[in-house]
Amino acid sequence: MKKSKAELEKEISRLVADFLDRQLGEHAVSVDTFLSGNSLTVRATNCFSPGEKTLVQNEYDWHLFQDFKNQQFEKVEPQLKTQLEKITDCEVLNIVSVVGQDGMRFEVVMLGKNFEN
């Protein structure tokens, strides 16, 4: 049975929330997924711990923290890619991850299949 767009979005949101928690130690308050064509946008809000929120208040520490988060994600990205391919039943071409100073994380995923057709 083919999954609806809403079902896929919900399943991916659960996957990413669990992935962020287990692999990166980020306990997002909410995770929302938006599927459009061959791209996924995942928004996770309030991912920082109280200590991390304090750390990112000045520019120097923010850049160090951001570099750390980027390196941390790069190490576990292949696991997320594999899990997303299982759920979507298509190749994941690229994942771009961005963390904002406000504790919001965005994952933009390019898929090898257009889900609008």
Protein backbone atom coordinates (compact mmCIF):
# COMPACT_ATOMS: atom_id res chain seq x y z
CA MET A 1 0.00 0.00 0.00
CA LYS A 2 1.36 3.40 -1.01
CA LYS A 3 1.78 5.93 1.80
CA SER A 4 0.11 9.31 1.52
CA LYS A 5 2.16 12.50 1.61
CA ALA A 6 0.89 13.24 5.14
CA GLU A 7 1.82 9.74 6.32
CA LEU A 8 5.33 10.10 4.90
CA GLU A 9 5.78 13.51 6.51
CA LYS A 10 4.64 12.19 9.89
CA GLU A 11 6.88 9.12 9.68
CA ILE A 12 9.90 11.21 8.67
CA SER A 13 9.25 13.66 11.52
CA ARG A 14 9.27 10.77 14.01
CA LEU A 15 12.44 9.35 12.45
CA VAL A 16 14.29 12.67 12.56
CA ALA A 17 13.18 13.41 16.14
CA ASP A 18 14.50 10.01 17.23
CA PHE A 19 17.69 10.44 15.17
CA LEU A 20 18.43 13.87 16.65
CA ASP A 21 17.85 12.54 20.15
CA ARG A 22 19.88 9.34 19.85
CA GLN A 23 22.69 10.45 17.53
CA LEU A 24 23.16 14.13 18.40
CA GLY A 25 21.69 14.43 21.88
CA GLU A 26 19.24 17.06 20.66
CA HIS A 27 15.82 16.83 22.26
CA ALA A 28 13.72 18.92 19.89
CA VAL A 29 10.43 20.27 21.21
CA SER A 30 8.82 19.68 17.82
CA VAL A 31 9.83 18.27 14.45
CA ASP A 32 7.85 19.09 11.31
CA THR A 33 8.44 17.72 7.81
CA PHE A 34 7.33 19.25 4.53
CA LEU A 35 7.50 17.15 1.36
CA SER A 36 7.36 19.01 -1.94
CA GLY A 37 8.30 17.44 -5.24
CA ASN A 38 11.70 15.85 -4.80
CA SER A 39 12.67 17.73 -1.65
CA LEU A 40 12.06 17.39 2.06
CA THR A 41 12.40 20.19 4.55
CA VAL A 42 12.55 19.17 8.18
CA ARG A 43 12.33 21.80 10.92
CA ALA A 44 13.25 20.91 14.49
CA THR A 45 12.64 23.58 17.11
CA ASN A 46 14.31 24.27 20.43
CA CYS A 47 17.11 21.71 20.03
CA PHE A 48 19.58 23.23 22.51
CA SER A 49 20.03 22.28 26.14
CA PRO A 50 20.05 25.10 28.71
CA GLY A 51 23.86 24.99 28.78
CA GLU A 52 24.08 25.21 24.99
CA LYS A 53 21.72 28.18 24.99
CA THR A 54 24.08 29.99 27.35
CA LEU A 55 27.11 29.01 25.27
CA VAL A 56 25.81 30.45 22.00
CA GLN A 57 25.14 33.93 23.36
CA ASN A 58 28.42 35.41 22.13
CA GLU A 59 29.66 35.34 18.55
CA TYR A 60 32.98 33.54 19.17
CA ASP A 61 31.44 30.69 21.15
CA TRP A 62 28.57 30.46 18.66
CA HIS A 63 31.01 29.86 15.78
CA LEU A 64 32.88 27.18 17.74
CA PHE A 65 29.61 25.49 18.69
CA GLN A 66 28.29 25.69 15.13
CA ASP A 67 31.49 24.09 13.79
CA PHE A 68 31.15 21.32 16.35
CA LYS A 69 27.49 20.68 15.44
CA ASN A 70 28.35 20.57 11.73
CA GLN A 71 31.15 18.04 12.29
CA GLN A 72 28.95 15.99 14.58
CA PHE A 73 26.20 15.80 11.94
CA GLU A 74 28.64 14.87 9.17
CA LYS A 75 29.71 11.79 11.14
CA VAL A 76 26.18 10.41 11.49
CA GLU A 77 24.65 11.68 8.24
CA PRO A 78 25.08 8.32 6.43
CA GLN A 79 22.82 6.68 9.04
CA LEU A 80 20.09 9.26 8.49
CA LYS A 81 20.42 8.88 4.72
CA THR A 82 19.95 5.11 4.96
CA GLN A 83 16.90 5.44 7.21
CA LEU A 84 15.30 8.07 4.95
CA GLU A 85 15.84 5.86 1.89
CA LYS A 86 13.99 3.03 3.61
CA ILE A 87 11.01 5.24 4.46
CA THR A 88 10.77 7.03 1.10
CA ASP A 89 11.75 4.03 -1.01
CA CYS A 90 14.04 6.23 -3.11
CA GLU A 91 17.62 7.45 -3.22
CA VAL A 92 18.64 10.38 -1.04
CA LEU A 93 20.84 12.57 -3.22
CA ASN A 94 21.92 15.14 -0.67
CA ILE A 95 21.28 16.35 2.88
CA VAL A 96 22.05 19.88 4.00
CA SER A 97 21.87 20.56 7.72
CA VAL A 98 21.77 24.02 9.28
CA VAL A 99 21.58 24.93 12.95
CA GLY A 100 20.46 28.41 13.95
CA GLN A 101 21.61 30.36 16.98
CA ASP A 102 18.01 30.21 18.23
CA GLY A 103 18.16 26.41 18.58
CA MET A 104 16.26 25.66 15.41
CA ARG A 105 17.63 23.00 13.05
CA PHE A 106 16.75 22.58 9.40
CA GLU A 107 17.46 19.54 7.27
CA VAL A 108 16.93 19.95 3.55
CA VAL A 109 16.91 16.62 1.74
CA MET A 110 17.01 16.19 -2.03
CA LEU A 111 15.39 12.94 -3.16
CA GLY A 112 15.83 10.97 -6.37
CA LYS A 113 12.07 10.83 -6.91
CA ASN A 114 9.35 13.45 -7.36
CA PHE A 115 6.49 12.82 -4.94
CA GLU A 116 4.14 15.26 -6.68
CA ASN A 117 3.56 12.91 -9.63
